[in-house]
Amino acid sequence: MRELYHARLLDHAQHPRNKGACPDATRVVHAANPSCGDTLALFLTLLEGRIVHASFTGEGCAVSQAAASLLTEAIQGMEVHVAAGFTERDLYGLLGVEVGEARKRCALLAWGALVDALRDERGV
């Protein structure tokens, strides 16, 4: 089973889904991991309380790219208040593999951008 998750992560890293800028985005958040140089811009199009489109741009390691791909797939079509409650644990669940300390910042880069993008919906 573990090999299946590794294959899924590698597939998303090599063939990321939803990669590309969205000119109609209603929220754009830029994030960076200074420890390794990963960069990311998260594009969200919100309409009537729902995320109707989610995409990203950026460069980084396989973990950060796969995490962004998996996250955008998961939240697309989701109600904003549900996506605003998405946690680190939820992201690790999407990855399906244990992430070592050295790669946690890489894995959480897209999630941090999501938190920033939906800060108002979180009541923060």
PDB file of N, CA and C in Angstrom:
ATOM      1  N   MET A   1       0.822  -1.194   0.000  1.00  0.00           N
ATOM      2  CA  MET A   1       0.000   0.000   0.000  1.00  0.00           C
ATOM      3  C   MET A   1       0.869   1.263   0.000  1.00  0.00           C
ATOM      4  N   ARG A   2       1.960   1.215   0.732  1.00  0.00           N
ATOM      5  CA  ARG A   2       2.857   2.367   0.824  1.00  0.00           C
ATOM      6  C   ARG A   2       3.387   2.758  -0.558  1.00  0.00           C
ATOM      7  N   GLU A   3       3.686   1.760  -1.402  1.00  0.00           N
ATOM      8  CA  GLU A   3       4.188   2.025  -2.748  1.00  0.00           C
ATOM      9  C   GLU A   3       3.159   2.790  -3.575  1.00  0.00           C
ATOM     10  N   LEU A   4       1.876   2.487  -3.348  1.00  0.00           N
ATOM     11  CA  LEU A   4       0.803   3.180  -4.053  1.00  0.00           C
ATOM     12  C   LEU A   4       0.835   4.670  -3.741  1.00  0.00           C
ATOM     13  N   TYR A   5       1.014   5.021  -2.469  1.00  0.00           N
ATOM     14  CA  TYR A   5       1.065   6.429  -2.086  1.00  0.00           C
ATOM     15  C   TYR A   5       2.303   7.109  -2.657  1.00  0.00           C
ATOM     16  N   HIS A   6       3.442   6.402  -2.626  1.00  0.00           N
ATOM     17  CA  HIS A   6       4.652   6.981  -3.205  1.00  0.00           C
ATOM     18  C   HIS A   6       4.459   7.224  -4.699  1.00  0.00           C
ATOM     19  N   ALA A   7       3.834   6.279  -5.384  1.00  0.00           N
ATOM     20  CA  ALA A   7       3.581   6.435  -6.817  1.00  0.00           C
ATOM     21  C   ALA A   7       2.643   7.609  -7.063  1.00  0.00           C
ATOM     22  N   ARG A   8       1.630   7.762  -6.218  1.00  0.00           N
ATOM     23  CA  ARG A   8       0.679   8.882  -6.350  1.00  0.00           C
ATOM     24  C   ARG A   8       1.398  10.209  -6.155  1.00  0.00           C
ATOM     25  N   LEU A   9       2.238  10.292  -5.134  1.00  0.00           N
ATOM     26  CA  LEU A   9       2.974  11.528  -4.873  1.00  0.00           C
ATOM     27  C   LEU A   9       3.892  11.849  -6.053  1.00  0.00           C
ATOM     28  N   LEU A  10       4.604  10.867  -6.553  1.00  0.00           N
ATOM     29  CA  LEU A  10       5.494  11.100  -7.687  1.00  0.00           C
ATOM     30  C   LEU A  10       4.722  11.504  -8.940  1.00  0.00           C
ATOM     31  N   ASP A  11       3.559  10.891  -9.155  1.00  0.00           N
ATOM     32  CA  ASP A  11       2.740  11.254 -10.304  1.00  0.00           C
ATOM     33  C   ASP A  11       2.316  12.718 -10.222  1.00  0.00           C
ATOM     34  N   HIS A  12       1.886  13.167  -9.055  1.00  0.00           N
ATOM     35  CA  HIS A  12       1.471  14.564  -8.887  1.00  0.00           C
ATOM     36  C   HIS A  12       2.664  15.518  -8.993  1.00  0.00           C
ATOM     37  N   ALA A  13       3.836  15.067  -8.582  1.00  0.00           N
ATOM     38  CA  ALA A  13       5.033  15.913  -8.697  1.00  0.00           C
ATOM     39  C   ALA A  13       5.457  16.044 -10.158  1.00  0.00           C
ATOM     40  N   GLN A  14       5.394  14.950 -10.896  1.00  0.00           N
ATOM     41  CA  GLN A  14       5.828  14.964 -12.288  1.00  0.00           C
ATOM     42  C   GLN A  14       4.766  15.508 -13.243  1.00  0.00           C
ATOM     43  N   HIS A  15       3.509  15.345 -12.873  1.00  0.00           N
ATOM     44  CA  HIS A  15       2.389  15.793 -13.707  1.00  0.00           C
ATOM     45  C   HIS A  15       1.384  16.537 -12.827  1.00  0.00           C
ATOM     46  N   PRO A  16       1.776  17.695 -12.312  1.00  0.00           N
ATOM     47  CA  PRO A  16       0.893  18.404 -11.382  1.00  0.00           C
ATOM     48  C   PRO A  16      -0.430  18.807 -12.024  1.00  0.00           C
ATOM     49  N   ARG A  17      -1.477  18.624 -11.280  1.00  0.00           N
ATOM     50  CA  ARG A  17      -2.804  19.044 -11.711  1.00  0.00           C
ATOM     51  C   ARG A  17      -3.002  20.498 -11.302  1.00  0.00           C
ATOM     52  N   ASN A  18      -3.764  21.210 -12.078  1.00  0.00           N
ATOM     53  CA  ASN A  18      -4.135  22.599 -11.768  1.00  0.00           C
ATOM     54  C   ASN A  18      -2.944  23.544 -11.700  1.00  0.00           C
ATOM     55  N   LYS A  19      -1.870  23.243 -12.421  1.00  0.00           N
ATOM     56  CA  LYS A  19      -0.718  24.139 -12.416  1.00  0.00           C
ATOM     57  C   LYS A  19      -0.904  25.167 -13.518  1.00  0.00           C
ATOM     58  N   GLY A  20      -0.871  26.412 -13.119  1.00  0.00           N
ATOM     59  CA  GLY A  20      -1.011  27.520 -14.050  1.00  0.00           C
ATOM     60  C   GLY A  20      -1.727  28.675 -13.375  1.00  0.00           C
ATOM     61  N   ALA A  21      -1.443  29.867 -13.831  1.00  0.00           N
ATOM     62  CA  ALA A  21      -2.073  31.070 -13.275  1.00  0.00           C
ATOM     63  C   ALA A  21      -3.531  31.130 -13.703  1.00  0.00           C
ATOM     64  N   CYS A  22      -4.326  31.769 -12.882  1.00  0.00           N
ATOM     65  CA  CYS A  22      -5.742  31.970 -13.191  1.00  0.00           C
ATOM     66  C   CYS A  22      -6.017  33.475 -13.196  1.00  0.00           C
ATOM     67  N   PRO A  23      -6.208  34.060 -14.377  1.00  0.00           N
ATOM     68  CA  PRO A  23      -6.403  35.511 -14.446  1.00  0.00           C
ATOM     69  C   PRO A  23      -7.700  35.989 -13.786  1.00  0.00           C
ATOM     70  N   ASP A  24      -8.663  35.103 -13.605  1.00  0.00           N
ATOM     71  CA  ASP A  24      -9.935  35.485 -12.986  1.00  0.00           C
ATOM     72  C   ASP A  24      -9.979  35.214 -11.490  1.00  0.00           C
ATOM     73  N   ALA A  25      -8.843  34.861 -10.899  1.00  0.00           N
ATOM     74  CA  ALA A  25      -8.811  34.535  -9.468  1.00  0.00           C
ATOM     75  C   ALA A  25      -9.272  35.719  -8.627  1.00  0.00           C
ATOM     76  N   THR A  26     -10.029  35.413  -7.598  1.00  0.00           N
ATOM     77  CA  THR A  26     -10.471  36.445  -6.662  1.00  0.00           C
ATOM     78  C   THR A  26      -9.518  36.558  -5.469  1.00  0.00           C
ATOM     79  N   ARG A  27      -8.684  35.542  -5.286  1.00  0.00           N
ATOM     80  CA  ARG A  27      -7.651  35.562  -4.247  1.00  0.00           C
ATOM     81  C   ARG A  27      -6.373  34.965  -4.817  1.00  0.00           C
ATOM     82  N   VAL A  28      -5.263  35.656  -4.596  1.00  0.00           N
ATOM     83  CA  VAL A  28      -3.949  35.162  -4.990  1.00  0.00           C
ATOM     84  C   VAL A  28      -3.018  35.367  -3.803  1.00  0.00           C
ATOM     85  N   VAL A  29      -2.358  34.293  -3.400  1.00  0.00           N
ATOM     86  CA  VAL A  29      -1.435  34.374  -2.269  1.00  0.00           C
ATOM     87  C   VAL A  29      -0.097  33.794  -2.708  1.00  0.00           C
ATOM     88  N   HIS A  30       0.969  34.517  -2.397  1.00  0.00           N
ATOM     89  CA  HIS A  30       2.323  34.065  -2.708  1.00  0.00           C
ATOM     90  C   HIS A  30       2.953  33.529  -1.428  1.00  0.00           C
ATOM     91  N   ALA A  31       3.668  32.434  -1.569  1.00  0.00           N
ATOM     92  CA  ALA A  31       4.332  31.824  -0.414  1.00  0.00           C
ATOM     93  C   ALA A  31       5.717  31.351  -0.848  1.00  0.00           C
ATOM     94  N   ALA A  32       6.612  31.293   0.118  1.00  0.00           N
ATOM     95  CA  ALA A  32       7.973  30.833  -0.169  1.00  0.00           C
ATOM     96  C   ALA A  32       8.529  30.098   1.037  1.00  0.00           C
ATOM     97  N   ASN A  33       9.396  29.165   0.772  1.00  0.00           N
ATOM     98  CA  ASN A  33      10.104  28.435   1.811  1.00  0.00           C
ATOM     99  C   ASN A  33      11.574  28.844   1.703  1.00  0.00           C
ATOM    100  N   PRO A  34      12.003  29.775   2.545  1.00  0.00           N
ATOM    101  CA  PRO A  34      13.376  30.286   2.430  1.00  0.00           C
ATOM    102  C   PRO A  34      14.444  29.238   2.717  1.00  0.00           C
ATOM    103  N   SER A  35      14.100  28.165   3.422  1.00  0.00           N
ATOM    104  CA  SER A  35      15.117  27.167   3.752  1.00  0.00           C
ATOM    105  C   SER A  35      15.531  26.333   2.545  1.00  0.00           C
ATOM    106  N   CYS A  36      14.655  26.238   1.521  1.00  0.00           N
ATOM    107  CA  CYS A  36      15.023  25.424   0.356  1.00  0.00           C
ATOM    108  C   CYS A  36      14.782  26.126  -0.975  1.00  0.00           C
ATOM    109  N   GLY A  37      14.095  27.258  -0.949  1.00  0.00           N
ATOM    110  CA  GLY A  37      13.877  28.017  -2.170  1.00  0.00           C
ATOM    111  C   GLY A  37      12.583  27.724  -2.904  1.00  0.00           C
ATOM    112  N   ASP A  38      11.733  26.845  -2.362  1.00  0.00           N
ATOM    113  CA  ASP A  38      10.432  26.580  -2.994  1.00  0.00           C
ATOM    114  C   ASP A  38       9.602  27.854  -3.009  1.00  0.00           C
ATOM    115  N   THR A  39       8.917  28.094  -4.126  1.00  0.00           N
ATOM    116  CA  THR A  39       8.012  29.245  -4.230  1.00  0.00           C
ATOM    117  C   THR A  39       6.680  28.765  -4.778  1.00  0.00           C
ATOM    118  N   LEU A  40       5.628  29.518  -4.447  1.00  0.00           N
ATOM    119  CA  LEU A  40       4.295  29.116  -4.855  1.00  0.00           C
ATOM    120  C   LEU A  40       3.385  30.326  -4.885  1.00  0.00           C
ATOM    121  N   ALA A  41       2.502  30.364  -5.854  1.00  0.00           N
ATOM    122  CA  ALA A  41       1.389  31.310  -5.864  1.00  0.00           C
ATOM    123  C   ALA A  41       0.130  30.463  -5.968  1.00  0.00           C
ATOM    124  N   LEU A  42      -0.795  30.663  -5.049  1.00  0.00           N
ATOM    125  CA  LEU A  42      -2.058  29.936  -5.038  1.00  0.00           C
ATOM    126  C   LEU A  42      -3.137  30.863  -5.563  1.00  0.00           C
ATOM    127  N   PHE A  43      -3.886  30.409  -6.563  1.00  0.00           N
ATOM    128  CA  PHE A  43      -4.956  31.174  -7.198  1.00  0.00           C
ATOM    129  C   PHE A  43      -6.293  30.522  -6.852  1.00  0.00           C
ATOM    130  N   LEU A  44      -7.194  31.285  -6.265  1.00  0.00           N
ATOM    131  CA  LEU A  44      -8.526  30.785  -5.948  1.00  0.00           C
ATOM    132  C   LEU A  44      -9.575  31.688  -6.578  1.00  0.00           C
ATOM    133  N   THR A  45     -10.576  31.081  -7.158  1.00  0.00           N
ATOM    134  CA  THR A  45     -11.735  31.814  -7.646  1.00  0.00           C
ATOM    135  C   THR A  45     -12.901  31.400  -6.765  1.00  0.00           C
ATOM    136  N   LEU A  46     -13.399  32.364  -5.991  1.00  0.00           N
ATOM    137  CA  LEU A  46     -14.500  32.107  -5.065  1.00  0.00           C
ATOM    138  C   LEU A  46     -15.779  32.687  -5.652  1.00  0.00           C
ATOM    139  N   LEU A  47     -16.848  31.915  -5.573  1.00  0.00           N
ATOM    140  CA  LEU A  47     -18.134  32.358  -6.085  1.00  0.00           C
ATOM    141  C   LEU A  47     -19.238  31.727  -5.254  1.00  0.00           C
ATOM    142  N   GLU A  48     -20.076  32.573  -4.701  1.00  0.00           N
ATOM    143  CA  GLU A  48     -21.232  32.131  -3.923  1.00  0.00           C
ATOM    144  C   GLU A  48     -20.852  31.116  -2.848  1.00  0.00           C
ATOM    145  N   GLY A  49     -19.773  31.423  -2.129  1.00  0.00           N
ATOM    146  CA  GLY A  49     -19.369  30.591  -0.996  1.00  0.00           C
ATOM    147  C   GLY A  49     -18.671  29.298  -1.351  1.00  0.00           C
ATOM    148  N   ARG A  50     -18.222  29.183  -2.586  1.00  0.00           N
ATOM    149  CA  ARG A  50     -17.584  27.949  -3.054  1.00  0.00           C
ATOM    150  C   ARG A  50     -16.282  28.289  -3.798  1.00  0.00           C
ATOM    151  N   ILE A  51     -15.323  27.380  -3.718  1.00  0.00           N
ATOM    152  CA  ILE A  51     -14.095  27.516  -4.503  1.00  0.00           C
ATOM    153  C   ILE A  51     -14.383  26.866  -5.852  1.00  0.00           C
ATOM    154  N   VAL A  52     -14.604  27.693  -6.862  1.00  0.00           N
ATOM    155  CA  VAL A  52     -14.951  27.156  -8.176  1.00  0.00           C
ATOM    156  C   VAL A  52     -13.713  26.832  -9.007  1.00  0.00           C
ATOM    157  N   HIS A  53     -12.580  27.413  -8.634  1.00  0.00           N
ATOM    158  CA  HIS A  53     -11.333  27.096  -9.329  1.00  0.00           C
ATOM    159  C   HIS A  53     -10.174  27.288  -8.354  1.00  0.00           C
ATOM    160  N   ALA A  54      -9.231  26.364  -8.392  1.00  0.00           N
ATOM    161  CA  ALA A  54      -8.015  26.458  -7.589  1.00  0.00           C
ATOM    162  C   ALA A  54      -6.852  26.018  -8.459  1.00  0.00           C
ATOM    163  N   SER A  55      -5.802  26.828  -8.487  1.00  0.00           N
ATOM    164  CA  SER A  55      -4.614  26.468  -9.247  1.00  0.00           C
ATOM    165  C   SER A  55      -3.391  27.071  -8.573  1.00  0.00           C
ATOM    166  N   PHE A  56      -2.225  26.729  -9.103  1.00  0.00           N
ATOM    167  CA  PHE A  56      -0.984  27.240  -8.513  1.00  0.00           C
ATOM    168  C   PHE A  56       0.089  27.373  -9.580  1.00  0.00           C
ATOM    169  N   THR A  57       1.056  28.207  -9.277  1.00  0.00           N
ATOM    170  CA  THR A  57       2.282  28.296 -10.057  1.00  0.00           C
ATOM    171  C   THR A  57       3.426  28.225  -9.070  1.00  0.00           C
ATOM    172  N   GLY A  58       4.610  28.032  -9.565  1.00  0.00           N
ATOM    173  CA  GLY A  58       5.770  28.026  -8.690  1.00  0.00           C
ATOM    174  C   GLY A  58       6.721  26.903  -9.023  1.00  0.00           C
ATOM    175  N   GLU A  59       7.817  26.919  -8.331  1.00  0.00           N
ATOM    176  CA  GLU A  59       8.863  25.919  -8.512  1.00  0.00           C
ATOM    177  C   GLU A  59       9.252  25.375  -7.155  1.00  0.00           C
ATOM    178  N   GLY A  60       9.620  24.107  -7.147  1.00  0.00           N
ATOM    179  CA  GLY A  60      10.050  23.529  -5.891  1.00  0.00           C
ATOM    180  C   GLY A  60      10.293  22.046  -6.012  1.00  0.00           C
ATOM    181  N   CYS A  61      10.541  21.453  -4.896  1.00  0.00           N
ATOM    182  CA  CYS A  61      10.836  20.023  -4.843  1.00  0.00           C
ATOM    183  C   CYS A  61       9.576  19.206  -5.121  1.00  0.00           C
ATOM    184  N   ALA A  62       9.767  17.911  -5.274  1.00  0.00           N
ATOM    185  CA  ALA A  62       8.654  17.005  -5.576  1.00  0.00           C
ATOM    186  C   ALA A  62       7.573  17.075  -4.510  1.00  0.00           C
ATOM    187  N   VAL A  63       7.953  17.191  -3.261  1.00  0.00           N
ATOM    188  CA  VAL A  63       6.969  17.218  -2.177  1.00  0.00           C
ATOM    189  C   VAL A  63       6.107  18.474  -2.254  1.00  0.00           C
ATOM    190  N   SER A  64       6.715  19.631  -2.459  1.00  0.00           N
ATOM    191  CA  SER A  64       5.921  20.873  -2.503  1.00  0.00           C
ATOM    192  C   SER A  64       5.014  20.899  -3.724  1.00  0.00           C
ATOM    193  N   GLN A  65       5.498  20.432  -4.866  1.00  0.00           N
ATOM    194  CA  GLN A  65       4.687  20.430  -6.080  1.00  0.00           C
ATOM    195  C   GLN A  65       3.539  19.428  -5.983  1.00  0.00           C
ATOM    196  N   ALA A  66       3.810  18.248  -5.446  1.00  0.00           N
ATOM    197  CA  ALA A  66       2.759  17.245  -5.273  1.00  0.00           C
ATOM    198  C   ALA A  66       1.716  17.725  -4.269  1.00  0.00           C
ATOM    199  N   ALA A  67       2.167  18.337  -3.182  1.00  0.00           N
ATOM    200  CA  ALA A  67       1.230  18.830  -2.166  1.00  0.00           C
ATOM    201  C   ALA A  67       0.316  19.900  -2.753  1.00  0.00           C
ATOM    202  N   ALA A  68       0.870  20.808  -3.555  1.00  0.00           N
ATOM    203  CA  ALA A  68       0.056  21.859  -4.177  1.00  0.00           C
ATOM    204  C   ALA A  68      -0.944  21.255  -5.158  1.00  0.00           C
ATOM    205  N   SER A  69      -0.509  20.285  -5.926  1.00  0.00           N
ATOM    206  CA  SER A  69      -1.381  19.618  -6.889  1.00  0.00           C
ATOM    207  C   SER A  69      -2.527  18.898  -6.172  1.00  0.00           C
ATOM    208  N   LEU A  70      -2.194  18.126  -5.161  1.00  0.00           N
ATOM    209  CA  LEU A  70      -3.206  17.386  -4.406  1.00  0.00           C
ATOM    210  C   LEU A  70      -4.169  18.326  -3.682  1.00  0.00           C
ATOM    211  N   LEU A  71      -3.631  19.399  -3.114  1.00  0.00           N
ATOM    212  CA  LEU A  71      -4.477  20.353  -2.397  1.00  0.00           C
ATOM    213  C   LEU A  71      -5.466  21.032  -3.339  1.00  0.00           C
ATOM    214  N   THR A  72      -4.989  21.495  -4.485  1.00  0.00           N
ATOM    215  CA  THR A  72      -5.904  22.185  -5.402  1.00  0.00           C
ATOM    216  C   THR A  72      -6.977  21.235  -5.916  1.00  0.00           C
ATOM    217  N   GLU A  73      -6.622  19.981  -6.123  1.00  0.00           N
ATOM    218  CA  GLU A  73      -7.639  18.990  -6.519  1.00  0.00           C
ATOM    219  C   GLU A  73      -8.688  18.824  -5.423  1.00  0.00           C
ATOM    220  N   ALA A  74      -8.228  18.753  -4.189  1.00  0.00           N
ATOM    221  CA  ALA A  74      -9.127  18.492  -3.065  1.00  0.00           C
ATOM    222  C   ALA A  74     -10.090  19.641  -2.787  1.00  0.00           C
ATOM    223  N   ILE A  75      -9.633  20.878  -2.923  1.00  0.00           N
ATOM    224  CA  ILE A  75     -10.467  22.015  -2.516  1.00  0.00           C
ATOM    225  C   ILE A  75     -11.344  22.559  -3.640  1.00  0.00           C
ATOM    226  N   GLN A  76     -11.040  22.197  -4.869  1.00  0.00           N
ATOM    227  CA  GLN A  76     -11.831  22.700  -5.993  1.00  0.00           C
ATOM    228  C   GLN A  76     -13.266  22.185  -5.871  1.00  0.00           C
ATOM    229  N   GLY A  77     -14.209  23.113  -5.861  1.00  0.00           N
ATOM    230  CA  GLY A  77     -15.617  22.772  -5.694  1.00  0.00           C
ATOM    231  C   GLY A  77     -16.071  22.748  -4.250  1.00  0.00           C
ATOM    232  N   MET A  78     -15.143  22.872  -3.326  1.00  0.00           N
ATOM    233  CA  MET A  78     -15.443  22.812  -1.898  1.00  0.00           C
ATOM    234  C   MET A  78     -16.062  24.129  -1.418  1.00  0.00           C
ATOM    235  N   GLU A  79     -16.951  24.038  -0.457  1.00  0.00           N
ATOM    236  CA  GLU A  79     -17.470  25.256   0.171  1.00  0.00           C
ATOM    237  C   GLU A  79     -16.322  25.953   0.888  1.00  0.00           C
ATOM    238  N   VAL A  80     -16.315  27.273   0.820  1.00  0.00           N
ATOM    239  CA  VAL A  80     -15.206  28.056   1.373  1.00  0.00           C
ATOM    240  C   VAL A  80     -15.038  27.794   2.863  1.00  0.00           C
ATOM    241  N   HIS A  81     -16.144  27.734   3.605  1.00  0.00           N
ATOM    242  CA  HIS A  81     -16.005  27.535   5.057  1.00  0.00           C
ATOM    243  C   HIS A  81     -15.421  26.159   5.380  1.00  0.00           C
ATOM    244  N   VAL A  82     -15.658  25.175   4.538  1.00  0.00           N
ATOM    245  CA  VAL A  82     -15.064  23.850   4.745  1.00  0.00           C
ATOM    246  C   VAL A  82     -13.573  23.904   4.438  1.00  0.00           C
ATOM    247  N   ALA A  83     -13.217  24.523   3.317  1.00  0.00           N
ATOM    248  CA  ALA A  83     -11.802  24.656   2.947  1.00  0.00           C
ATOM    249  C   ALA A  83     -11.039  25.474   3.986  1.00  0.00           C
ATOM    250  N   ALA A  84     -11.704  26.450   4.594  1.00  0.00           N
ATOM    251  CA  ALA A  84     -11.057  27.280   5.617  1.00  0.00           C
ATOM    252  C   ALA A  84     -10.691  26.456   6.850  1.00  0.00           C
ATOM    253  N   GLY A  85     -11.356  25.336   7.043  1.00  0.00           N
ATOM    254  CA  GLY A  85     -11.054  24.462   8.176  1.00  0.00           C
ATOM    255  C   GLY A  85     -10.061  23.361   7.851  1.00  0.00           C
ATOM    256  N   PHE A  86      -9.537  23.343   6.632  1.00  0.00           N
ATOM    257  CA  PHE A  86      -8.556  22.342   6.209  1.00  0.00           C
ATOM    258  C   PHE A  86      -7.321  22.464   7.096  1.00  0.00           C
ATOM    259  N   THR A  87      -6.818  21.355   7.603  1.00  0.00           N
ATOM    260  CA  THR A  87      -5.704  21.376   8.553  1.00  0.00           C
ATOM    261  C   THR A  87      -4.441  20.757   7.973  1.00  0.00           C
ATOM    262  N   GLU A  88      -3.355  20.909   8.706  1.00  0.00           N
ATOM    263  CA  GLU A  88      -2.095  20.256   8.345  1.00  0.00           C
ATOM    264  C   GLU A  88      -2.318  18.753   8.227  1.00  0.00           C
ATOM    265  N   ARG A  89      -3.035  18.199   9.170  1.00  0.00           N
ATOM    266  CA  ARG A  89      -3.305  16.757   9.176  1.00  0.00           C
ATOM    267  C   ARG A  89      -4.054  16.342   7.906  1.00  0.00           C
ATOM    268  N   ASP A  90      -4.998  17.192   7.469  1.00  0.00           N
ATOM    269  CA  ASP A  90      -5.724  16.900   6.231  1.00  0.00           C
ATOM    270  C   ASP A  90      -4.761  16.849   5.044  1.00  0.00           C
ATOM    271  N   LEU A  91      -3.814  17.778   5.008  1.00  0.00           N
ATOM    272  CA  LEU A  91      -2.849  17.790   3.918  1.00  0.00           C
ATOM    273  C   LEU A  91      -1.975  16.544   3.956  1.00  0.00           C
ATOM    274  N   TYR A  92      -1.502  16.176   5.131  1.00  0.00           N
ATOM    275  CA  TYR A  92      -0.692  14.964   5.240  1.00  0.00           C
ATOM    276  C   TYR A  92      -1.500  13.745   4.792  1.00  0.00           C
ATOM    277  N   GLY A  93      -2.792  13.756   5.064  1.00  0.00           N
ATOM    278  CA  GLY A  93      -3.657  12.674   4.607  1.00  0.00           C
ATOM    279  C   GLY A  93      -3.709  12.607   3.087  1.00  0.00           C
ATOM    280  N   LEU A  94      -3.742  13.766   2.434  1.00  0.00           N
ATOM    281  CA  LEU A  94      -3.719  13.788   0.970  1.00  0.00           C
ATOM    282  C   LEU A  94      -2.412  13.212   0.433  1.00  0.00           C
ATOM    283  N   LEU A  95      -1.308  13.574   1.077  1.00  0.00           N
ATOM    284  CA  LEU A  95      -0.002  13.084   0.623  1.00  0.00           C
ATOM    285  C   LEU A  95       0.095  11.573   0.792  1.00  0.00           C
ATOM    286  N   GLY A  96      -0.455  11.071   1.894  1.00  0.00           N
ATOM    287  CA  GLY A  96      -0.474   9.636   2.121  1.00  0.00           C
ATOM    288  C   GLY A  96       0.858   9.026   2.503  1.00  0.00           C
ATOM    289  N   VAL A  97       1.856   9.842   2.727  1.00  0.00           N
ATOM    290  CA  VAL A  97       3.163   9.343   3.149  1.00  0.00           C
ATOM    291  C   VAL A  97       3.646  10.178   4.327  1.00  0.00           C
ATOM    292  N   GLU A  98       4.479   9.580   5.127  1.00  0.00           N
ATOM    293  CA  GLU A  98       5.056  10.307   6.245  1.00  0.00           C
ATOM    294  C   GLU A  98       6.096  11.284   5.715  1.00  0.00           C
ATOM    295  N   VAL A  99       6.007  12.510   6.179  1.00  0.00           N
ATOM    296  CA  VAL A  99       6.936  13.547   5.731  1.00  0.00           C
ATOM    297  C   VAL A  99       7.904  13.822   6.875  1.00  0.00           C
ATOM    298  N   GLY A 100       9.184  13.697   6.591  1.00  0.00           N
ATOM    299  CA  GLY A 100      10.198  13.943   7.599  1.00  0.00           C
ATOM    300  C   GLY A 100      10.292  15.422   7.948  1.00  0.00           C
ATOM    301  N   GLU A 101      10.951  15.697   9.044  1.00  0.00           N
ATOM    302  CA  GLU A 101      11.094  17.078   9.528  1.00  0.00           C
ATOM    303  C   GLU A 101      11.657  18.012   8.456  1.00  0.00           C
ATOM    304  N   ALA A 102      12.631  17.527   7.700  1.00  0.00           N
ATOM    305  CA  ALA A 102      13.285  18.365   6.692  1.00  0.00           C
ATOM    306  C   ALA A 102      12.330  18.766   5.572  1.00  0.00           C
ATOM    307  N   ARG A 103      11.253  18.011   5.353  1.00  0.00           N
ATOM    308  CA  ARG A 103      10.332  18.278   4.246  1.00  0.00           C
ATOM    309  C   ARG A 103       8.982  18.832   4.688  1.00  0.00           C
ATOM    310  N   LYS A 104       8.785  19.040   5.983  1.00  0.00           N
ATOM    311  CA  LYS A 104       7.481  19.540   6.449  1.00  0.00           C
ATOM    312  C   LYS A 104       7.154  20.913   5.880  1.00  0.00           C
ATOM    313  N   ARG A 105       8.118  21.802   5.849  1.00  0.00           N
ATOM    314  CA  ARG A 105       7.863  23.140   5.284  1.00  0.00           C
ATOM    315  C   ARG A 105       7.504  23.052   3.803  1.00  0.00           C
ATOM    316  N   CYS A 106       8.150  22.135   3.105  1.00  0.00           N
ATOM    317  CA  CYS A 106       7.843  21.926   1.677  1.00  0.00           C
ATOM    318  C   CYS A 106       6.404  21.445   1.525  1.00  0.00           C
ATOM    319  N   ALA A 107       6.029  20.473   2.316  1.00  0.00           N
ATOM    320  CA  ALA A 107       4.692  19.884   2.235  1.00  0.00           C
ATOM    321  C   ALA A 107       3.612  20.886   2.604  1.00  0.00           C
ATOM    322  N   LEU A 108       3.903  21.779   3.521  1.00  0.00           N
ATOM    323  CA  LEU A 108       2.887  22.704   4.045  1.00  0.00           C
ATOM    324  C   LEU A 108       2.843  24.051   3.330  1.00  0.00           C
ATOM    325  N   LEU A 109       3.668  24.251   2.325  1.00  0.00           N
ATOM    326  CA  LEU A 109       3.722  25.546   1.642  1.00  0.00           C
ATOM    327  C   LEU A 109       2.365  25.923   1.044  1.00  0.00           C
ATOM    328  N   ALA A 110       1.757  25.032   0.289  1.00  0.00           N
ATOM    329  CA  ALA A 110       0.452  25.318  -0.330  1.00  0.00           C
ATOM    330  C   ALA A 110      -0.633  25.475   0.729  1.00  0.00           C
ATOM    331  N   TRP A 111      -0.576  24.645   1.764  1.00  0.00           N
ATOM    332  CA  TRP A 111      -1.569  24.746   2.842  1.00  0.00           C
ATOM    333  C   TRP A 111      -1.478  26.115   3.518  1.00  0.00           C
ATOM    334  N   GLY A 112      -0.271  26.586   3.775  1.00  0.00           N
ATOM    335  CA  GLY A 112      -0.098  27.912   4.376  1.00  0.00           C
ATOM    336  C   GLY A 112      -0.674  29.007   3.497  1.00  0.00           C
ATOM    337  N   ALA A 113      -0.514  28.870   2.185  1.00  0.00           N
ATOM    338  CA  ALA A 113      -1.100  29.841   1.259  1.00  0.00           C
ATOM    339  C   ALA A 113      -2.625  29.785   1.324  1.00  0.00           C
ATOM    340  N   LEU A 114      -3.179  28.591   1.438  1.00  0.00           N
ATOM    341  CA  LEU A 114      -4.632  28.440   1.563  1.00  0.00           C
ATOM    342  C   LEU A 114      -5.133  29.117   2.836  1.00  0.00           C
ATOM    343  N   VAL A 115      -4.449  28.898   3.931  1.00  0.00           N
ATOM    344  CA  VAL A 115      -4.826  29.527   5.202  1.00  0.00           C
ATOM    345  C   VAL A 115      -4.824  31.047   5.049  1.00  0.00           C
ATOM    346  N   ASP A 116      -3.791  31.590   4.431  1.00  0.00           N
ATOM    347  CA  ASP A 116      -3.719  33.036   4.218  1.00  0.00           C
ATOM    348  C   ASP A 116      -4.839  33.526   3.302  1.00  0.00           C
ATOM    349  N   ALA A 117      -5.118  32.771   2.239  1.00  0.00           N
ATOM    350  CA  ALA A 117      -6.137  33.175   1.285  1.00  0.00           C
ATOM    351  C   ALA A 117      -7.540  33.190   1.898  1.00  0.00           C
ATOM    352  N   LEU A 118      -7.770  32.304   2.851  1.00  0.00           N
ATOM    353  CA  LEU A 118      -9.100  32.189   3.454  1.00  0.00           C
ATOM    354  C   LEU A 118      -9.147  32.696   4.886  1.00  0.00           C
ATOM    355  N   ARG A 119      -8.179  33.509   5.239  1.00  0.00           N
ATOM    356  CA  ARG A 119      -8.085  34.019   6.621  1.00  0.00           C
ATOM    357  C   ARG A 119      -9.410  34.636   7.095  1.00  0.00           C
ATOM    358  N   ASP A 120     -10.069  35.424   6.280  1.00  0.00           N
ATOM    359  CA  ASP A 120     -11.321  36.068   6.683  1.00  0.00           C
ATOM    360  C   ASP A 120     -12.409  35.043   6.993  1.00  0.00           C
ATOM    361  N   GLU A 121     -12.439  33.946   6.241  1.00  0.00           N
ATOM    362  CA  GLU A 121     -13.433  32.915   6.450  1.00  0.00           C
ATOM    363  C   GLU A 121     -13.154  32.108   7.717  1.00  0.00           C
ATOM    364  N   ARG A 122     -11.917  32.139   8.193  1.00  0.00           N
ATOM    365  CA  ARG A 122     -11.544  31.420   9.424  1.00  0.00           C
ATOM    366  C   ARG A 122     -11.879  32.248  10.657  1.00  0.00           C
ATOM    367  N   GLY A 123     -12.243  33.508  10.463  1.00  0.00           N
ATOM    368  CA  GLY A 123     -12.549  34.366  11.598  1.00  0.00           C
ATOM    369  C   GLY A 123     -11.313  34.878  12.292  1.00  0.00           C
ATOM    370  N   VAL A 124     -10.187  34.859  11.583  1.00  0.00           N
ATOM    371  CA  VAL A 124      -8.923  35.303  12.176  1.00  0.00           C
ATOM    372  C   VAL A 124      -8.654  36.725  11.784  1.00  0.00           C
TER     373      VAL A 124
END
